[in-house]
């Protein structure tokens, strides 16, 4: 499993390079040029179709692996921010495990909080307990 992760990271990094895009374009160009002497026959078409299908399926799994790994890393970083922030709700650290209904309920609560905050900002109140980086505190009541 360790080697799979190493290989998928390497392929994912190489696939994102401009040179890889250029090489793919070059392969298609060469394939197209070979079609002329072969009179664009079925074998000529089968070759590119087969290669495209194989590469697409492999890349699907590599991209999924890469996305999952990045999502887990981001989630862990966010969990650490929540854990280290005074006043943060630690139960939010595993919120992704909740049902869709529970997530919708929490999203609605945060939406209502955002609306209240917008109203408070119009009244000159702060939306956090700290002032902006480049301005002094305006009002300490929230």
N, C-alpha and C. Protein backbone atom coordinates (compact mmCIF):
# COMPACT_ATOMS: atom_id res chain seq x y z
N UNK A 1 0.82 -1.19 0.00
CA UNK A 1 0.00 0.00 0.00
C UNK A 1 0.88 1.27 0.00
N UNK A 2 2.01 1.18 0.69
CA UNK A 2 2.92 2.32 0.72
C UNK A 2 3.44 2.64 -0.68
N UNK A 3 3.78 1.60 -1.44
CA UNK A 3 4.31 1.81 -2.78
C UNK A 3 3.25 2.36 -3.72
N UNK A 4 2.00 1.91 -3.53
CA UNK A 4 0.90 2.44 -4.34
C UNK A 4 0.77 3.94 -4.13
N UNK A 5 0.86 4.36 -2.88
CA UNK A 5 0.77 5.78 -2.55
C UNK A 5 1.92 6.57 -3.17
N UNK A 6 3.11 6.02 -3.11
CA UNK A 6 4.27 6.69 -3.69
C UNK A 6 4.11 6.82 -5.21
N UNK A 7 3.68 5.74 -5.86
CA UNK A 7 3.51 5.74 -7.31
C UNK A 7 2.40 6.71 -7.72
N UNK A 8 1.28 6.68 -7.02
CA UNK A 8 0.17 7.57 -7.39
C UNK A 8 0.54 9.03 -7.17
N UNK A 9 1.29 9.33 -6.12
CA UNK A 9 1.76 10.71 -5.92
C UNK A 9 2.66 11.14 -7.07
N UNK A 10 3.57 10.26 -7.47
CA UNK A 10 4.49 10.58 -8.55
C UNK A 10 3.74 10.80 -9.85
N UNK A 11 2.82 9.87 -10.19
CA UNK A 11 2.06 10.00 -11.44
C UNK A 11 1.19 11.26 -11.41
N UNK A 12 0.57 11.51 -10.27
CA UNK A 12 -0.28 12.70 -10.14
C UNK A 12 0.52 13.97 -10.35
N UNK A 13 1.70 14.03 -9.78
CA UNK A 13 2.55 15.21 -9.96
C UNK A 13 3.02 15.36 -11.40
N UNK A 14 3.38 14.26 -12.03
CA UNK A 14 3.84 14.31 -13.42
C UNK A 14 2.69 14.66 -14.37
N UNK A 15 1.50 14.15 -14.10
CA UNK A 15 0.34 14.41 -14.97
C UNK A 15 -0.04 15.88 -14.95
N UNK A 16 0.30 16.59 -13.89
CA UNK A 16 -0.07 18.00 -13.77
C UNK A 16 0.94 18.94 -14.44
N UNK A 17 2.00 18.39 -15.01
CA UNK A 17 3.04 19.21 -15.63
C UNK A 17 2.67 19.61 -17.05
N UNK A 18 3.07 20.80 -17.49
CA UNK A 18 2.81 21.22 -18.87
C UNK A 18 3.43 20.28 -19.90
N UNK A 19 4.57 19.70 -19.59
CA UNK A 19 5.23 18.78 -20.52
C UNK A 19 4.33 17.57 -20.80
N UNK A 20 3.62 17.10 -19.79
CA UNK A 20 2.73 15.96 -19.97
C UNK A 20 1.61 16.31 -20.95
N UNK A 21 1.06 17.49 -20.82
CA UNK A 21 0.01 17.95 -21.75
C UNK A 21 0.58 18.03 -23.17
N UNK A 22 1.76 18.55 -23.29
CA UNK A 22 2.40 18.65 -24.60
C UNK A 22 2.63 17.26 -25.21
N UNK A 23 3.10 16.32 -24.38
CA UNK A 23 3.32 14.96 -24.88
C UNK A 23 2.01 14.30 -25.31
N UNK A 24 0.93 14.52 -24.58
CA UNK A 24 -0.37 13.97 -24.97
C UNK A 24 -0.80 14.55 -26.31
N UNK A 25 -0.62 15.85 -26.47
CA UNK A 25 -0.95 16.50 -27.74
C UNK A 25 -0.09 15.93 -28.87
N UNK A 26 1.19 15.72 -28.60
CA UNK A 26 2.10 15.17 -29.60
C UNK A 26 1.70 13.75 -30.00
N UNK A 27 1.30 12.93 -29.03
CA UNK A 27 0.86 11.56 -29.32
C UNK A 27 -0.36 11.58 -30.23
N UNK A 28 -1.30 12.46 -29.93
CA UNK A 28 -2.51 12.57 -30.76
C UNK A 28 -2.15 13.05 -32.16
N UNK A 29 -1.23 13.99 -32.26
CA UNK A 29 -0.80 14.49 -33.57
C UNK A 29 -0.14 13.38 -34.39
N UNK A 30 0.77 12.64 -33.76
CA UNK A 30 1.45 11.54 -34.45
C UNK A 30 0.44 10.47 -34.87
N UNK A 31 -0.49 10.15 -33.96
CA UNK A 31 -1.53 9.18 -34.29
C UNK A 31 -2.35 9.65 -35.49
N UNK A 32 -2.70 10.91 -35.49
CA UNK A 32 -3.47 11.47 -36.61
C UNK A 32 -2.70 11.40 -37.91
N UNK A 33 -1.41 11.69 -37.86
CA UNK A 33 -0.58 11.64 -39.07
C UNK A 33 -0.44 10.21 -39.59
N UNK A 34 -0.36 9.23 -38.69
CA UNK A 34 -0.28 7.83 -39.12
C UNK A 34 -1.58 7.37 -39.75
N UNK A 35 -2.67 8.07 -39.48
CA UNK A 35 -3.95 7.72 -40.06
C UNK A 35 -3.99 7.91 -41.56
N UNK A 36 -3.21 8.86 -42.06
CA UNK A 36 -3.21 9.15 -43.50
C UNK A 36 -2.73 7.94 -44.31
N UNK A 37 -1.53 7.40 -44.03
CA UNK A 37 -1.10 6.24 -44.83
C UNK A 37 -1.92 4.98 -44.54
N UNK A 38 -2.54 4.91 -43.36
CA UNK A 38 -3.35 3.73 -43.02
C UNK A 38 -4.80 3.90 -43.46
N UNK A 39 -5.09 5.01 -44.11
CA UNK A 39 -6.43 5.31 -44.62
C UNK A 39 -7.49 5.32 -43.50
N UNK A 40 -7.05 5.74 -42.31
CA UNK A 40 -7.95 5.89 -41.16
C UNK A 40 -8.79 4.63 -40.95
N UNK A 41 -8.15 3.47 -41.00
CA UNK A 41 -8.86 2.19 -40.89
C UNK A 41 -9.26 1.88 -39.44
N UNK A 42 -9.94 0.76 -39.26
CA UNK A 42 -10.45 0.38 -37.94
C UNK A 42 -9.33 0.11 -36.94
N UNK A 43 -8.25 -0.49 -37.38
CA UNK A 43 -7.12 -0.77 -36.48
C UNK A 43 -6.53 0.54 -35.97
N UNK A 44 -6.39 1.49 -36.85
CA UNK A 44 -5.86 2.80 -36.48
C UNK A 44 -6.76 3.44 -35.41
N UNK A 45 -8.06 3.36 -35.58
CA UNK A 45 -9.01 3.92 -34.62
C UNK A 45 -9.00 3.13 -33.31
N UNK A 46 -8.90 1.82 -33.42
CA UNK A 46 -8.91 0.95 -32.24
C UNK A 46 -7.72 1.24 -31.34
N UNK A 47 -6.57 1.52 -31.92
CA UNK A 47 -5.36 1.79 -31.13
C UNK A 47 -5.58 2.99 -30.22
N UNK A 48 -6.03 4.11 -30.76
CA UNK A 48 -6.19 5.30 -29.93
C UNK A 48 -7.35 5.14 -28.95
N UNK A 49 -8.41 4.47 -29.37
CA UNK A 49 -9.55 4.26 -28.47
C UNK A 49 -9.14 3.41 -27.27
N UNK A 50 -8.40 2.35 -27.53
CA UNK A 50 -7.94 1.46 -26.46
C UNK A 50 -7.00 2.20 -25.52
N UNK A 51 -6.02 2.91 -26.07
CA UNK A 51 -5.09 3.67 -25.23
C UNK A 51 -5.82 4.72 -24.39
N UNK A 52 -6.74 5.42 -25.01
CA UNK A 52 -7.49 6.46 -24.29
C UNK A 52 -8.31 5.86 -23.15
N UNK A 53 -8.94 4.73 -23.40
CA UNK A 53 -9.74 4.08 -22.36
C UNK A 53 -8.88 3.60 -21.20
N UNK A 54 -7.77 2.98 -21.51
CA UNK A 54 -6.87 2.48 -20.47
C UNK A 54 -6.33 3.63 -19.63
N UNK A 55 -5.83 4.65 -20.30
CA UNK A 55 -5.26 5.80 -19.58
C UNK A 55 -6.34 6.50 -18.76
N UNK A 56 -7.54 6.63 -19.30
CA UNK A 56 -8.63 7.29 -18.57
C UNK A 56 -9.00 6.54 -17.30
N UNK A 57 -9.10 5.22 -17.39
CA UNK A 57 -9.45 4.43 -16.21
C UNK A 57 -8.36 4.51 -15.16
N UNK A 58 -7.12 4.39 -15.57
CA UNK A 58 -6.01 4.49 -14.60
C UNK A 58 -5.99 5.88 -13.96
N UNK A 59 -6.13 6.92 -14.77
CA UNK A 59 -6.10 8.29 -14.23
C UNK A 59 -7.28 8.56 -13.30
N UNK A 60 -8.43 7.95 -13.57
CA UNK A 60 -9.58 8.10 -12.69
C UNK A 60 -9.22 7.66 -11.28
N UNK A 61 -8.60 6.51 -11.14
CA UNK A 61 -8.23 6.02 -9.82
C UNK A 61 -7.10 6.83 -9.20
N UNK A 62 -6.17 7.28 -10.00
CA UNK A 62 -5.07 8.10 -9.48
C UNK A 62 -5.60 9.45 -8.99
N UNK A 63 -6.47 10.07 -9.77
CA UNK A 63 -7.05 11.35 -9.35
C UNK A 63 -7.88 11.18 -8.10
N UNK A 64 -8.68 10.11 -8.02
CA UNK A 64 -9.50 9.87 -6.83
C UNK A 64 -8.62 9.68 -5.61
N UNK A 65 -7.54 8.91 -5.77
CA UNK A 65 -6.61 8.70 -4.66
C UNK A 65 -6.00 10.01 -4.21
N UNK A 66 -5.59 10.83 -5.16
CA UNK A 66 -4.97 12.11 -4.85
C UNK A 66 -5.96 13.04 -4.15
N UNK A 67 -7.19 13.11 -4.66
CA UNK A 67 -8.22 13.96 -4.06
C UNK A 67 -8.54 13.51 -2.64
N UNK A 68 -8.66 12.21 -2.43
CA UNK A 68 -8.96 11.70 -1.10
C UNK A 68 -7.84 12.04 -0.13
N UNK A 69 -6.60 11.86 -0.56
CA UNK A 69 -5.45 12.17 0.29
C UNK A 69 -5.43 13.65 0.65
N UNK A 70 -5.69 14.52 -0.33
CA UNK A 70 -5.70 15.96 -0.07
C UNK A 70 -6.87 16.36 0.83
N UNK A 71 -8.02 15.75 0.63
CA UNK A 71 -9.18 16.04 1.47
C UNK A 71 -8.91 15.66 2.92
N UNK A 72 -8.33 14.49 3.13
CA UNK A 72 -8.00 14.07 4.49
C UNK A 72 -7.00 15.02 5.12
N UNK A 73 -5.99 15.43 4.37
CA UNK A 73 -4.98 16.36 4.91
C UNK A 73 -5.60 17.70 5.27
N UNK A 74 -6.46 18.22 4.42
CA UNK A 74 -7.13 19.50 4.72
C UNK A 74 -8.01 19.35 5.94
N UNK A 75 -8.75 18.24 6.02
CA UNK A 75 -9.62 18.01 7.17
C UNK A 75 -8.82 17.97 8.46
N UNK A 76 -7.68 17.31 8.44
CA UNK A 76 -6.84 17.23 9.63
C UNK A 76 -6.31 18.61 10.02
N UNK A 77 -5.95 19.42 9.03
CA UNK A 77 -5.48 20.77 9.32
C UNK A 77 -6.60 21.61 9.94
N UNK A 78 -7.81 21.48 9.39
CA UNK A 78 -8.94 22.21 9.96
C UNK A 78 -9.25 21.73 11.37
N UNK A 79 -9.16 20.42 11.60
CA UNK A 79 -9.38 19.87 12.94
C UNK A 79 -8.38 20.46 13.93
N UNK A 80 -7.15 20.59 13.50
CA UNK A 80 -6.13 21.17 14.39
C UNK A 80 -6.43 22.63 14.68
N UNK A 81 -6.90 23.37 13.70
CA UNK A 81 -7.25 24.77 13.93
C UNK A 81 -8.40 24.86 14.93
N UNK A 82 -9.40 24.00 14.76
CA UNK A 82 -10.53 24.00 15.70
C UNK A 82 -10.04 23.64 17.09
N UNK A 83 -9.21 22.59 17.19
CA UNK A 83 -8.72 22.14 18.49
C UNK A 83 -7.91 23.23 19.20
N UNK A 84 -7.12 23.96 18.44
CA UNK A 84 -6.22 24.95 19.04
C UNK A 84 -6.87 26.31 19.26
N UNK A 85 -8.06 26.54 18.74
CA UNK A 85 -8.70 27.84 18.85
C UNK A 85 -9.59 27.89 20.08
N UNK A 86 -9.29 28.81 20.95
CA UNK A 86 -10.08 28.98 22.17
C UNK A 86 -11.49 29.41 21.78
N UNK A 87 -12.47 28.75 22.35
CA UNK A 87 -13.85 29.08 22.09
C UNK A 87 -14.46 28.32 20.93
N UNK A 88 -13.64 27.59 20.17
CA UNK A 88 -14.17 26.81 19.04
C UNK A 88 -14.90 25.58 19.58
N UNK A 89 -15.87 25.13 18.85
CA UNK A 89 -16.63 23.94 19.24
C UNK A 89 -15.91 22.70 18.73
N UNK A 90 -15.31 21.95 19.65
CA UNK A 90 -14.53 20.77 19.26
C UNK A 90 -15.37 19.69 18.59
N UNK A 91 -16.69 19.68 18.85
CA UNK A 91 -17.52 18.66 18.19
C UNK A 91 -17.58 18.86 16.68
N UNK A 92 -17.14 20.01 16.21
CA UNK A 92 -17.12 20.27 14.77
C UNK A 92 -15.99 19.50 14.06
N UNK A 93 -15.05 18.92 14.84
CA UNK A 93 -13.91 18.26 14.23
C UNK A 93 -14.29 17.02 13.42
N UNK A 94 -15.37 16.35 13.74
CA UNK A 94 -15.75 15.19 12.94
C UNK A 94 -17.14 15.36 12.32
N UNK A 95 -17.45 16.60 12.00
CA UNK A 95 -18.76 16.93 11.45
C UNK A 95 -19.04 16.24 10.12
N UNK A 96 -17.99 15.89 9.38
CA UNK A 96 -18.20 15.23 8.08
C UNK A 96 -18.84 13.85 8.22
N UNK A 97 -18.87 13.31 9.44
CA UNK A 97 -19.47 12.00 9.67
C UNK A 97 -20.98 12.07 9.92
N UNK A 98 -21.52 13.27 10.03
CA UNK A 98 -22.94 13.43 10.30
C UNK A 98 -23.78 13.11 9.06
N UNK A 99 -25.07 12.90 9.29
CA UNK A 99 -25.98 12.65 8.18
C UNK A 99 -26.22 13.95 7.42
N UNK A 100 -26.75 13.83 6.22
CA UNK A 100 -27.07 15.01 5.41
C UNK A 100 -28.08 15.91 6.12
N UNK A 101 -29.03 15.31 6.81
CA UNK A 101 -30.04 16.08 7.54
C UNK A 101 -29.40 16.88 8.67
N UNK A 102 -28.50 16.25 9.42
CA UNK A 102 -27.82 16.95 10.50
C UNK A 102 -26.96 18.09 9.97
N UNK A 103 -26.27 17.83 8.85
CA UNK A 103 -25.45 18.88 8.24
C UNK A 103 -26.32 20.05 7.77
N UNK A 104 -27.48 19.75 7.20
CA UNK A 104 -28.38 20.81 6.75
C UNK A 104 -28.89 21.63 7.94
N UNK A 105 -29.18 20.96 9.05
CA UNK A 105 -29.64 21.67 10.26
C UNK A 105 -28.55 22.62 10.78
N UNK A 106 -27.32 22.14 10.83
CA UNK A 106 -26.22 22.98 11.30
C UNK A 106 -25.95 24.11 10.33
N UNK A 107 -26.03 23.82 9.04
CA UNK A 107 -25.84 24.86 8.01
C UNK A 107 -26.89 25.95 8.16
N UNK A 108 -28.10 25.57 8.47
CA UNK A 108 -29.16 26.56 8.66
C UNK A 108 -28.85 27.44 9.87
N UNK A 109 -28.37 26.84 10.96
CA UNK A 109 -28.00 27.62 12.15
C UNK A 109 -26.91 28.65 11.82
N UNK A 110 -25.90 28.21 11.05
CA UNK A 110 -24.82 29.13 10.68
C UNK A 110 -25.32 30.20 9.71
N UNK A 111 -26.26 29.85 8.87
CA UNK A 111 -26.86 30.84 7.99
C UNK A 111 -27.59 31.92 8.77
N UNK A 112 -28.34 31.50 9.79
CA UNK A 112 -29.05 32.46 10.66
C UNK A 112 -28.05 33.33 11.42
N UNK A 113 -26.96 32.73 11.88
CA UNK A 113 -25.92 33.49 12.57
C UNK A 113 -25.29 34.51 11.63
N UNK A 114 -25.07 34.13 10.38
CA UNK A 114 -24.48 35.05 9.40
C UNK A 114 -25.42 36.22 9.15
N UNK A 115 -26.73 35.96 9.06
CA UNK A 115 -27.70 37.05 8.86
C UNK A 115 -27.70 38.00 10.04
N UNK A 116 -27.66 37.44 11.26
CA UNK A 116 -27.61 38.29 12.46
C UNK A 116 -26.34 39.13 12.47
N UNK A 117 -25.24 38.52 12.08
CA UNK A 117 -23.96 39.23 12.04
C UNK A 117 -24.00 40.38 11.04
N UNK A 118 -24.60 40.16 9.88
CA UNK A 118 -24.72 41.23 8.88
C UNK A 118 -25.50 42.41 9.44
N UNK A 119 -26.57 42.11 10.16
CA UNK A 119 -27.37 43.17 10.77
C UNK A 119 -26.56 43.92 11.83
N UNK A 120 -25.81 43.16 12.64
CA UNK A 120 -24.98 43.77 13.68
C UNK A 120 -23.89 44.65 13.07
N UNK A 121 -23.30 44.21 11.95
CA UNK A 121 -22.26 45.01 11.28
C UNK A 121 -22.84 46.34 10.79
N UNK A 122 -24.06 46.31 10.31
CA UNK A 122 -24.71 47.55 9.86
C UNK A 122 -24.92 48.51 11.02
N UNK A 123 -25.04 47.95 12.23
CA UNK A 123 -25.22 48.79 13.43
C UNK A 123 -23.87 49.23 14.01
N UNK A 124 -22.77 48.82 13.38
CA UNK A 124 -21.44 49.22 13.84
C UNK A 124 -20.80 48.25 14.81
N UNK A 125 -21.41 47.12 15.04
CA UNK A 125 -20.84 46.12 15.94
C UNK A 125 -19.81 45.27 15.20
N UNK A 126 -18.94 44.62 15.95
CA UNK A 126 -17.93 43.74 15.36
C UNK A 126 -18.53 42.38 15.04
N UNK A 127 -17.96 41.72 14.05
CA UNK A 127 -18.43 40.36 13.76
C UNK A 127 -17.55 39.30 14.42
N UNK A 128 -16.49 39.73 15.11
CA UNK A 128 -15.66 38.83 15.90
C UNK A 128 -15.36 39.52 17.21
N UNK A 129 -14.63 38.85 18.05
CA UNK A 129 -14.24 39.46 19.32
C UNK A 129 -12.91 40.18 19.22
N UNK A 130 -12.37 40.32 18.02
CA UNK A 130 -11.12 41.04 17.81
C UNK A 130 -11.32 42.04 16.69
N UNK A 131 -10.52 43.09 16.71
CA UNK A 131 -10.62 44.09 15.65
C UNK A 131 -9.86 43.66 14.41
N UNK A 132 -10.12 44.31 13.30
CA UNK A 132 -9.41 44.01 12.06
C UNK A 132 -7.93 44.30 12.23
N UNK A 133 -7.12 43.68 11.42
CA UNK A 133 -5.67 43.82 11.51
C UNK A 133 -5.25 45.27 11.28
N UNK A 134 -5.86 45.94 10.31
CA UNK A 134 -5.41 47.27 9.95
C UNK A 134 -6.27 48.40 10.52
N UNK A 135 -7.16 48.10 11.46
CA UNK A 135 -7.97 49.17 12.05
C UNK A 135 -8.15 48.93 13.54
N UNK A 136 -8.31 50.01 14.30
CA UNK A 136 -8.51 49.86 15.74
C UNK A 136 -9.92 49.35 16.03
N UNK A 137 -10.17 48.83 17.24
CA UNK A 137 -11.51 48.36 17.58
C UNK A 137 -12.54 49.48 17.53
N UNK A 138 -13.73 49.17 17.01
CA UNK A 138 -14.79 50.16 16.89
C UNK A 138 -15.74 50.03 18.06
N UNK A 139 -16.17 48.81 18.37
CA UNK A 139 -17.17 48.58 19.40
C UNK A 139 -16.93 47.18 19.95
N UNK A 140 -16.84 47.06 21.25
CA UNK A 140 -16.53 45.76 21.84
C UNK A 140 -17.77 44.94 22.15
N UNK A 141 -18.95 45.45 21.89
CA UNK A 141 -20.16 44.67 22.14
C UNK A 141 -20.51 43.88 20.91
N UNK A 142 -21.00 42.66 21.11
CA UNK A 142 -21.41 41.82 19.98
C UNK A 142 -22.79 41.31 20.17
